[in-house]
Amino acid sequence: MLSIIALLCLFAAVGPASILNIIAYPISKPWCRAISNYIVKVLAPRVFAILRFYMDFHFFGYNESKKILPEQYIIISNHQSLFDIPCYMKFLRERNVRFVAKDNLSRHIPLVSEMLRAQQHCMVPRRGSPMQAMKVIEEFGKRVMLTGQIPILFPEGTRTRDGNVGKFYSAGFRKLNESTGLPVVACALDGGYQIRDMNKIMTELRNGCYRVKVLKVFDSPKTKEEEVYILEESRRLIQEQLEQWRKLPADQR
């Protein structure tokens, strides 16, 4: 019963804005961006409040860890669920974040798709040549430098199935580093691998939690070797953090 009430409350909170966004996108990109900003800044916190009240779903953002963040930076993170996107938006709500994501997310996902397109997140084509994908990332990197935005990259390239950190691929990271020259921040998140898609998000949230934490800031890499080191060290630190969280007592997970 509570799950049904939660879904009704969620629809009441974000449904009208989501529908309006779908209508506004083909008519006016500025209108759509304004609606998307309202969803991120105003409605997203309400979503988390509803989930906590009705589903006992908790969000743990380690705000103390953010004190080491520089003015502008690239975030590299593990990737577990579609829910990673709103979780990072909540964790870094005072910053203007933009995601590097596959272009299939820009179609047919309620609330998410129009927002990703209207706010000019980096939609990397799944089909086509690698050169085309790198060009999209390069243009995105130049754009975030002009706007002061914070790019977030998931080097695994896809959502994990078992909650452990997969292989970090270097091509997208290298191109983003090339086009921005920003410091690199390693972040860990956990809690989403059991809710990887929209169906599971709606059915498996009860008594769950999400954790997001800044782990380390690296200077902008200048060589290929430094890029490889940052990816390998970030992956190691993230996996260690996940293991620490999963050792917590059951009532603290």
C-alpha atoms as a PDB file:
ATOM      1  CA  MET A   1       0.000   0.000   0.000  1.00  0.00           C
ATOM      2  CA  LEU A   2       2.779   2.442   0.923  1.00  0.00           C
ATOM      3  CA  SER A   3       4.498   1.704  -2.391  1.00  0.00           C
ATOM      4  CA  ILE A   4       1.353   2.715  -4.278  1.00  0.00           C
ATOM      5  CA  ILE A   5       1.048   5.893  -2.205  1.00  0.00           C
ATOM      6  CA  ALA A   6       4.718   6.660  -2.868  1.00  0.00           C
ATOM      7  CA  LEU A   7       4.248   6.232  -6.618  1.00  0.00           C
ATOM      8  CA  LEU A   8       1.192   8.495  -6.578  1.00  0.00           C
ATOM      9  CA  CYS A   9       3.112  11.133  -4.613  1.00  0.00           C
ATOM     10  CA  LEU A  10       6.066  10.874  -6.990  1.00  0.00           C
ATOM     11  CA  PHE A  11       3.805  11.349  -9.992  1.00  0.00           C
ATOM     12  CA  ALA A  12       2.088  14.309  -8.345  1.00  0.00           C
ATOM     13  CA  ALA A  13       5.494  15.863  -7.606  1.00  0.00           C
ATOM     14  CA  VAL A  14       7.211  15.424 -10.961  1.00  0.00           C
ATOM     15  CA  GLY A  15       4.556  14.208 -13.415  1.00  0.00           C
ATOM     16  CA  PRO A  16       3.187  17.590 -14.523  1.00  0.00           C
ATOM     17  CA  ALA A  17       6.675  19.086 -15.000  1.00  0.00           C
ATOM     18  CA  SER A  18       7.834  15.987 -16.861  1.00  0.00           C
ATOM     19  CA  ILE A  19       4.855  16.098 -19.233  1.00  0.00           C
ATOM     20  CA  LEU A  20       5.307  19.834 -19.732  1.00  0.00           C
ATOM     21  CA  ASN A  21       8.968  19.241 -20.534  1.00  0.00           C
ATOM     22  CA  ILE A  22       8.097  16.695 -23.226  1.00  0.00           C
ATOM     23  CA  ILE A  23       5.693  19.201 -24.789  1.00  0.00           C
ATOM     24  CA  ALA A  24       8.111  22.128 -24.477  1.00  0.00           C
ATOM     25  CA  TYR A  25      11.179  20.437 -25.971  1.00  0.00           C
ATOM     26  CA  PRO A  26      10.162  20.589 -29.668  1.00  0.00           C
ATOM     27  CA  ILE A  27       8.680  24.076 -29.211  1.00  0.00           C
ATOM     28  CA  SER A  28      11.282  26.003 -27.216  1.00  0.00           C
ATOM     29  CA  LYS A  29      14.666  24.800 -25.946  1.00  0.00           C
ATOM     30  CA  PRO A  30      14.932  27.753 -23.476  1.00  0.00           C
ATOM     31  CA  TRP A  31      11.559  26.811 -21.958  1.00  0.00           C
ATOM     32  CA  CYS A  32      12.656  23.194 -21.721  1.00  0.00           C
ATOM     33  CA  ARG A  33      15.924  24.180 -20.042  1.00  0.00           C
ATOM     34  CA  ALA A  34      14.032  26.317 -17.533  1.00  0.00           C
ATOM     35  CA  ILE A  35      11.682  23.432 -16.709  1.00  0.00           C
ATOM     36  CA  SER A  36      14.644  21.031 -16.448  1.00  0.00           C
ATOM     37  CA  ASN A  37      16.420  23.389 -14.043  1.00  0.00           C
ATOM     38  CA  TYR A  38      13.252  23.574 -11.935  1.00  0.00           C
ATOM     39  CA  ILE A  39      13.065  19.776 -11.839  1.00  0.00           C
ATOM     40  CA  VAL A  40      16.704  19.472 -10.739  1.00  0.00           C
ATOM     41  CA  LYS A  41      16.733  22.270  -8.166  1.00  0.00           C
ATOM     42  CA  VAL A  42      13.214  22.118  -6.733  1.00  0.00           C
ATOM     43  CA  LEU A  43      11.506  18.828  -7.525  1.00  0.00           C
ATOM     44  CA  ALA A  44      14.439  16.408  -7.088  1.00  0.00           C
ATOM     45  CA  PRO A  45      14.769  17.122  -3.333  1.00  0.00           C
ATOM     46  CA  ARG A  46      11.041  16.454  -2.975  1.00  0.00           C
ATOM     47  CA  VAL A  47      11.483  13.078  -4.698  1.00  0.00           C
ATOM     48  CA  PHE A  48      14.115  12.038  -2.158  1.00  0.00           C
ATOM     49  CA  ALA A  49      11.900  13.238   0.707  1.00  0.00           C
ATOM     50  CA  ILE A  50       8.961  11.175  -0.595  1.00  0.00           C
ATOM     51  CA  LEU A  51      11.133   8.088  -0.993  1.00  0.00           C
ATOM     52  CA  ARG A  52      12.461   8.428   2.532  1.00  0.00           C
ATOM     53  CA  PHE A  53       9.015   8.919   4.090  1.00  0.00           C
ATOM     54  CA  TYR A  54       7.125   6.173   2.255  1.00  0.00           C
ATOM     55  CA  MET A  55       9.852   3.716   1.220  1.00  0.00           C
ATOM     56  CA  ASP A  56      12.403   4.173   4.016  1.00  0.00           C
ATOM     57  CA  PHE A  57      14.957   4.925   1.299  1.00  0.00           C
ATOM     58  CA  HIS A  58      17.946   6.918   2.544  1.00  0.00           C
ATOM     59  CA  PHE A  59      20.506   9.036   0.762  1.00  0.00           C
ATOM     60  CA  PHE A  60      23.926   9.450   2.366  1.00  0.00           C
ATOM     61  CA  GLY A  61      25.957  12.214   0.747  1.00  0.00           C
ATOM     62  CA  TYR A  62      29.280  12.608   2.538  1.00  0.00           C
ATOM     63  CA  ASN A  63      29.359  16.401   2.495  1.00  0.00           C
ATOM     64  CA  GLU A  64      32.584  16.629   4.503  1.00  0.00           C
ATOM     65  CA  SER A  65      34.382  14.929   1.635  1.00  0.00           C
ATOM     66  CA  LYS A  66      33.429  17.802  -0.693  1.00  0.00           C
ATOM     67  CA  LYS A  67      35.672  20.243   1.156  1.00  0.00           C
ATOM     68  CA  ILE A  68      38.675  19.156  -0.913  1.00  0.00           C
ATOM     69  CA  LEU A  69      36.993  19.916  -4.243  1.00  0.00           C
ATOM     70  CA  PRO A  70      38.617  22.559  -6.488  1.00  0.00           C
ATOM     71  CA  GLU A  71      36.650  25.201  -8.408  1.00  0.00           C
ATOM     72  CA  GLN A  72      36.164  23.090 -11.546  1.00  0.00           C
ATOM     73  CA  TYR A  73      37.045  19.458 -12.150  1.00  0.00           C
ATOM     74  CA  ILE A  74      36.205  16.196 -13.931  1.00  0.00           C
ATOM     75  CA  ILE A  75      34.492  13.511 -11.848  1.00  0.00           C
ATOM     76  CA  ILE A  76      35.154   9.854 -12.616  1.00  0.00           C
ATOM     77  CA  SER A  77      32.907   7.393 -10.829  1.00  0.00           C
ATOM     78  CA  ASN A  78      31.666   3.842 -10.803  1.00  0.00           C
ATOM     79  CA  HIS A  79      28.244   3.308 -12.373  1.00  0.00           C
ATOM     80  CA  GLN A  80      25.408   1.185 -10.977  1.00  0.00           C
ATOM     81  CA  SER A  81      21.996   2.521 -12.000  1.00  0.00           C
ATOM     82  CA  LEU A  82      19.976   5.142 -13.836  1.00  0.00           C
ATOM     83  CA  PHE A  83      19.459   6.523 -10.340  1.00  0.00           C
ATOM     84  CA  ASP A  84      23.146   7.563 -10.282  1.00  0.00           C
ATOM     85  CA  ILE A  85      22.186  10.685 -12.241  1.00  0.00           C
ATOM     86  CA  PRO A  86      19.708  12.197  -9.727  1.00  0.00           C
ATOM     87  CA  CYS A  87      21.945  11.073  -6.852  1.00  0.00           C
ATOM     88  CA  TYR A  88      24.901  13.056  -8.195  1.00  0.00           C
ATOM     89  CA  MET A  89      22.608  16.005  -8.879  1.00  0.00           C
ATOM     90  CA  LYS A  90      21.554  15.917  -5.229  1.00  0.00           C
ATOM     91  CA  PHE A  91      25.074  15.407  -3.885  1.00  0.00           C
ATOM     92  CA  LEU A  92      26.459  18.294  -5.982  1.00  0.00           C
ATOM     93  CA  ARG A  93      23.298  20.400  -5.963  1.00  0.00           C
ATOM     94  CA  GLU A  94      25.320  23.597  -5.517  1.00  0.00           C
ATOM     95  CA  ARG A  95      27.230  22.886  -8.756  1.00  0.00           C
ATOM     96  CA  ASN A  96      26.114  22.709 -12.370  1.00  0.00           C
ATOM     97  CA  VAL A  97      26.880  19.097 -13.307  1.00  0.00           C
ATOM     98  CA  ARG A  98      26.784  17.542 -16.768  1.00  0.00           C
ATOM     99  CA  PHE A  99      27.016  13.826 -17.573  1.00  0.00           C
ATOM    100  CA  VAL A 100      28.761  11.859 -20.290  1.00  0.00           C
ATOM    101  CA  ALA A 101      26.169   9.221 -21.199  1.00  0.00           C
ATOM    102  CA  LYS A 102      25.111   6.940 -24.024  1.00  0.00           C
ATOM    103  CA  ASP A 103      22.696   8.562 -26.431  1.00  0.00           C
ATOM    104  CA  ASN A 104      20.000   5.926 -25.836  1.00  0.00           C
ATOM    105  CA  LEU A 105      19.293   7.666 -22.514  1.00  0.00           C
ATOM    106  CA  SER A 106      18.166  10.733 -24.452  1.00  0.00           C
ATOM    107  CA  ARG A 107      15.063   8.939 -25.719  1.00  0.00           C
ATOM    108  CA  HIS A 108      11.942   7.461 -24.104  1.00  0.00           C
ATOM    109  CA  ILE A 109      12.961   7.701 -20.414  1.00  0.00           C
ATOM    110  CA  PRO A 110      10.408   9.769 -18.473  1.00  0.00           C
ATOM    111  CA  LEU A 111      11.833  12.854 -16.787  1.00  0.00           C
ATOM    112  CA  VAL A 112      15.420  12.003 -17.738  1.00  0.00           C
ATOM    113  CA  SER A 113      15.569  12.136 -21.552  1.00  0.00           C
ATOM    114  CA  GLU A 114      14.308  15.670 -22.193  1.00  0.00           C
ATOM    115  CA  MET A 115      16.399  16.986 -19.313  1.00  0.00           C
ATOM    116  CA  LEU A 116      19.601  15.424 -20.690  1.00  0.00           C
ATOM    117  CA  ARG A 117      18.972  16.857 -24.135  1.00  0.00           C
ATOM    118  CA  ALA A 118      17.748  20.292 -23.047  1.00  0.00           C
ATOM    119  CA  GLN A 119      20.637  20.850 -20.633  1.00  0.00           C
ATOM    120  CA  GLN A 120      23.169  19.715 -23.251  1.00  0.00           C
ATOM    121  CA  HIS A 121      24.658  16.762 -21.438  1.00  0.00           C
ATOM    122  CA  CYS A 122      27.124  14.745 -23.520  1.00  0.00           C
ATOM    123  CA  MET A 123      25.178  12.146 -25.476  1.00  0.00           C
ATOM    124  CA  VAL A 124      27.752   9.746 -26.950  1.00  0.00           C
ATOM    125  CA  PRO A 125      26.453   7.795 -29.968  1.00  0.00           C
ATOM    126  CA  ARG A 126      26.404   4.028 -29.434  1.00  0.00           C
ATOM    127  CA  ARG A 127      26.586   3.420 -33.156  1.00  0.00           C
ATOM    128  CA  GLY A 128      28.977   4.975 -35.589  1.00  0.00           C
ATOM    129  CA  SER A 129      32.724   5.343 -35.615  1.00  0.00           C
ATOM    130  CA  PRO A 130      34.853   5.821 -32.473  1.00  0.00           C
ATOM    131  CA  MET A 131      36.085   9.028 -34.102  1.00  0.00           C
ATOM    132  CA  GLN A 132      32.546  10.399 -34.077  1.00  0.00           C
ATOM    133  CA  ALA A 133      32.149   9.553 -30.379  1.00  0.00           C
ATOM    134  CA  MET A 134      35.446  11.260 -29.525  1.00  0.00           C
ATOM    135  CA  LYS A 135      34.371  14.354 -31.454  1.00  0.00           C
ATOM    136  CA  VAL A 136      31.188  14.582 -29.368  1.00  0.00           C
ATOM    137  CA  ILE A 137      33.220  14.331 -26.138  1.00  0.00           C
ATOM    138  CA  GLU A 138      35.740  16.901 -27.363  1.00  0.00           C
ATOM    139  CA  GLU A 139      32.999  19.439 -28.153  1.00  0.00           C
ATOM    140  CA  PHE A 140      31.381  18.724 -24.786  1.00  0.00           C
ATOM    141  CA  GLY A 141      34.707  19.351 -23.009  1.00  0.00           C
ATOM    142  CA  LYS A 142      35.093  22.728 -24.705  1.00  0.00           C
ATOM    143  CA  ARG A 143      31.524  23.633 -23.779  1.00  0.00           C
ATOM    144  CA  VAL A 144      31.881  22.866 -20.069  1.00  0.00           C
ATOM    145  CA  MET A 145      35.042  24.960 -19.946  1.00  0.00           C
ATOM    146  CA  LEU A 146      33.131  27.947 -21.320  1.00  0.00           C
ATOM    147  CA  THR A 147      30.193  27.476 -18.943  1.00  0.00           C
ATOM    148  CA  GLY A 148      32.071  26.446 -15.781  1.00  0.00           C
ATOM    149  CA  GLN A 149      30.134  23.178 -15.536  1.00  0.00           C
ATOM    150  CA  ILE A 150      31.295  19.974 -13.826  1.00  0.00           C
ATOM    151  CA  PRO A 151      31.559  16.972 -16.207  1.00  0.00           C
ATOM    152  CA  ILE A 152      30.853  13.524 -14.763  1.00  0.00           C
ATOM    153  CA  LEU A 153      32.197  10.459 -16.559  1.00  0.00           C
ATOM    154  CA  PHE A 154      31.533   6.771 -15.845  1.00  0.00           C
ATOM    155  CA  PRO A 155      34.646   5.044 -17.270  1.00  0.00           C
ATOM    156  CA  GLU A 156      33.077   1.571 -16.980  1.00  0.00           C
ATOM    157  CA  GLY A 157      30.827   2.586 -19.851  1.00  0.00           C
ATOM    158  CA  THR A 158      27.872   0.556 -18.582  1.00  0.00           C
ATOM    159  CA  ARG A 159      26.066  -0.199 -15.333  1.00  0.00           C
ATOM    160  CA  THR A 160      27.540  -2.943 -13.161  1.00  0.00           C
ATOM    161  CA  ARG A 161      25.480  -6.081 -12.571  1.00  0.00           C
ATOM    162  CA  ASP A 162      26.995  -7.270  -9.285  1.00  0.00           C
ATOM    163  CA  GLY A 163      27.929  -4.003  -7.575  1.00  0.00           C
ATOM    164  CA  ASN A 164      31.675  -4.433  -8.016  1.00  0.00           C
ATOM    165  CA  VAL A 165      33.725  -1.996 -10.080  1.00  0.00           C
ATOM    166  CA  GLY A 166      34.295  -3.092 -13.658  1.00  0.00           C
ATOM    167  CA  LYS A 167      37.138  -2.239 -15.990  1.00  0.00           C
ATOM    168  CA  PHE A 168      37.767   1.469 -16.519  1.00  0.00           C
ATOM    169  CA  TYR A 169      38.112   2.347 -20.211  1.00  0.00           C
ATOM    170  CA  SER A 170      40.453   5.165 -21.089  1.00  0.00           C
ATOM    171  CA  ALA A 171      39.383   6.587 -24.485  1.00  0.00           C
ATOM    172  CA  GLY A 172      36.582   8.897 -23.294  1.00  0.00           C
ATOM    173  CA  PHE A 173      38.580  10.012 -20.259  1.00  0.00           C
ATOM    174  CA  ARG A 174      41.612  10.891 -22.378  1.00  0.00           C
ATOM    175  CA  LYS A 175      39.558  12.955 -24.800  1.00  0.00           C
ATOM    176  CA  LEU A 176      37.765  14.780 -21.980  1.00  0.00           C
ATOM    177  CA  ASN A 177      41.083  15.460 -20.244  1.00  0.00           C
ATOM    178  CA  GLU A 178      42.569  16.661 -23.537  1.00  0.00           C
ATOM    179  CA  SER A 179      39.773  19.151 -24.132  1.00  0.00           C
ATOM    180  CA  THR A 180      39.549  20.499 -20.566  1.00  0.00           C
ATOM    181  CA  GLY A 181      42.866  20.071 -18.725  1.00  0.00           C
ATOM    182  CA  LEU A 182      40.928  19.976 -15.438  1.00  0.00           C
ATOM    183  CA  PRO A 183      41.852  18.268 -12.156  1.00  0.00           C
ATOM    184  CA  VAL A 184      40.304  14.817 -11.785  1.00  0.00           C
ATOM    185  CA  VAL A 185      38.151  13.794  -8.825  1.00  0.00           C
ATOM    186  CA  ALA A 186      37.499  10.148  -7.965  1.00  0.00           C
ATOM    187  CA  CYS A 187      34.061   9.539  -6.425  1.00  0.00           C
ATOM    188  CA  ALA A 188      32.432   6.349  -5.166  1.00  0.00           C
ATOM    189  CA  LEU A 189      28.738   5.550  -5.109  1.00  0.00           C
ATOM    190  CA  ASP A 190      26.890   2.494  -3.894  1.00  0.00           C
ATOM    191  CA  GLY A 191      23.331   1.287  -3.614  1.00  0.00           C
ATOM    192  CA  GLY A 192      22.163   1.201  -7.199  1.00  0.00           C
ATOM    193  CA  TYR A 193      23.242  -2.135  -8.620  1.00  0.00           C
ATOM    194  CA  GLN A 194      20.012  -3.796  -7.454  1.00  0.00           C
ATOM    195  CA  ILE A 195      17.911  -1.091  -9.128  1.00  0.00           C
ATOM    196  CA  ARG A 196      19.640  -0.933 -12.504  1.00  0.00           C
ATOM    197  CA  ASP A 197      16.611  -0.021 -14.644  1.00  0.00           C
ATOM    198  CA  MET A 198      13.323   1.843 -14.385  1.00  0.00           C
ATOM    199  CA  ASN A 199      11.274  -1.246 -13.442  1.00  0.00           C
ATOM    200  CA  LYS A 200      13.574  -2.132 -10.550  1.00  0.00           C
ATOM    201  CA  ILE A 201      13.765   1.497  -9.420  1.00  0.00           C
ATOM    202  CA  MET A 202      10.013   1.392  -8.930  1.00  0.00           C
ATOM    203  CA  THR A 203       9.931  -2.003  -7.171  1.00  0.00           C
ATOM    204  CA  GLU A 204      13.201  -2.419  -5.234  1.00  0.00           C
ATOM    205  CA  LEU A 205      13.693   0.920  -3.480  1.00  0.00           C
ATOM    206  CA  ARG A 206      12.132  -0.050  -0.155  1.00  0.00           C
ATOM    207  CA  ASN A 207      14.616   0.018   2.752  1.00  0.00           C
ATOM    208  CA  GLY A 208      17.411   0.840   0.343  1.00  0.00           C
ATOM    209  CA  CYS A 209      20.043   3.546   0.418  1.00  0.00           C
ATOM    210  CA  TYR A 210      22.500   5.355  -1.801  1.00  0.00           C
ATOM    211  CA  ARG A 211      25.929   6.578  -0.738  1.00  0.00           C
ATOM    212  CA  VAL A 212      28.119   9.069  -2.593  1.00  0.00           C
ATOM    213  CA  LYS A 213      31.549  10.234  -1.477  1.00  0.00           C
ATOM    214  CA  VAL A 214      34.533  12.165  -2.839  1.00  0.00           C
ATOM    215  CA  LEU A 215      37.669  10.045  -2.441  1.00  0.00           C
ATOM    216  CA  LYS A 216      40.622  11.880  -3.965  1.00  0.00           C
ATOM    217  CA  VAL A 217      41.587  14.840  -6.140  1.00  0.00           C
ATOM    218  CA  PHE A 218      44.297  14.334  -8.772  1.00  0.00           C
ATOM    219  CA  ASP A 219      46.146  17.040 -10.640  1.00  0.00           C
ATOM    220  CA  SER A 220      45.298  17.191 -14.322  1.00  0.00           C
ATOM    221  CA  PRO A 221      47.295  14.412 -16.039  1.00  0.00           C
ATOM    222  CA  LYS A 222      49.850  15.578 -18.595  1.00  0.00           C
ATOM    223  CA  THR A 223      50.890  12.232 -20.087  1.00  0.00           C
ATOM    224  CA  LYS A 224      49.276   8.961 -21.132  1.00  0.00           C
ATOM    225  CA  GLU A 225      51.016   7.251 -18.209  1.00  0.00           C
ATOM    226  CA  GLU A 226      49.499   9.716 -15.739  1.00  0.00           C
ATOM    227  CA  GLU A 227      46.045   9.157 -17.234  1.00  0.00           C
ATOM    228  CA  VAL A 228      46.410   5.389 -16.864  1.00  0.00           C
ATOM    229  CA  TYR A 229      47.588   5.797 -13.271  1.00  0.00           C
ATOM    230  CA  ILE A 230      44.605   7.983 -12.349  1.00  0.00           C
ATOM    231  CA  LEU A 231      42.136   5.492 -13.813  1.00  0.00           C
ATOM    232  CA  GLU A 232      43.754   2.517 -12.092  1.00  0.00           C
ATOM    233  CA  GLU A 233      44.144   4.282  -8.740  1.00  0.00           C
ATOM    234  CA  SER A 234      40.576   5.615  -8.867  1.00  0.00           C
ATOM    235  CA  ARG A 235      39.207   2.172  -9.593  1.00  0.00           C
ATOM    236  CA  ARG A 236      41.164   0.728  -6.667  1.00  0.00           C
ATOM    237  CA  LEU A 237      40.013   3.449  -4.258  1.00  0.00           C
ATOM    238  CA  ILE A 238      36.383   3.094  -5.317  1.00  0.00           C
ATOM    239  CA  GLN A 239      36.393  -0.692  -4.879  1.00  0.00           C
ATOM    240  CA  GLU A 240      37.982  -0.315  -1.427  1.00  0.00           C
ATOM    241  CA  GLN A 241      35.304   2.196  -0.432  1.00  0.00           C
ATOM    242  CA  LEU A 242      32.512  -0.121  -1.573  1.00  0.00           C
ATOM    243  CA  GLU A 243      33.965  -2.945   0.502  1.00  0.00           C
ATOM    244  CA  GLN A 244      34.146  -0.690   3.573  1.00  0.00           C
ATOM    245  CA  TRP A 245      30.523   0.381   3.195  1.00  0.00           C
ATOM    246  CA  ARG A 246      29.362  -3.208   2.817  1.00  0.00           C
ATOM    247  CA  LYS A 247      31.037  -4.178   6.101  1.00  0.00           C
ATOM    248  CA  LEU A 248      28.789  -1.775   7.998  1.00  0.00           C
ATOM    249  CA  PRO A 249      26.154  -3.283  10.328  1.00  0.00           C
ATOM    250  CA  ALA A 250      22.903  -4.086   8.557  1.00  0.00           C
ATOM    251  CA  ASP A 251      21.058  -1.143  10.145  1.00  0.00           C
ATOM    252  CA  GLN A 252      23.714   1.272   8.822  1.00  0.00           C
ATOM    253  CA  ARG A 253      23.899   0.041   5.229  1.00  0.00           C
END
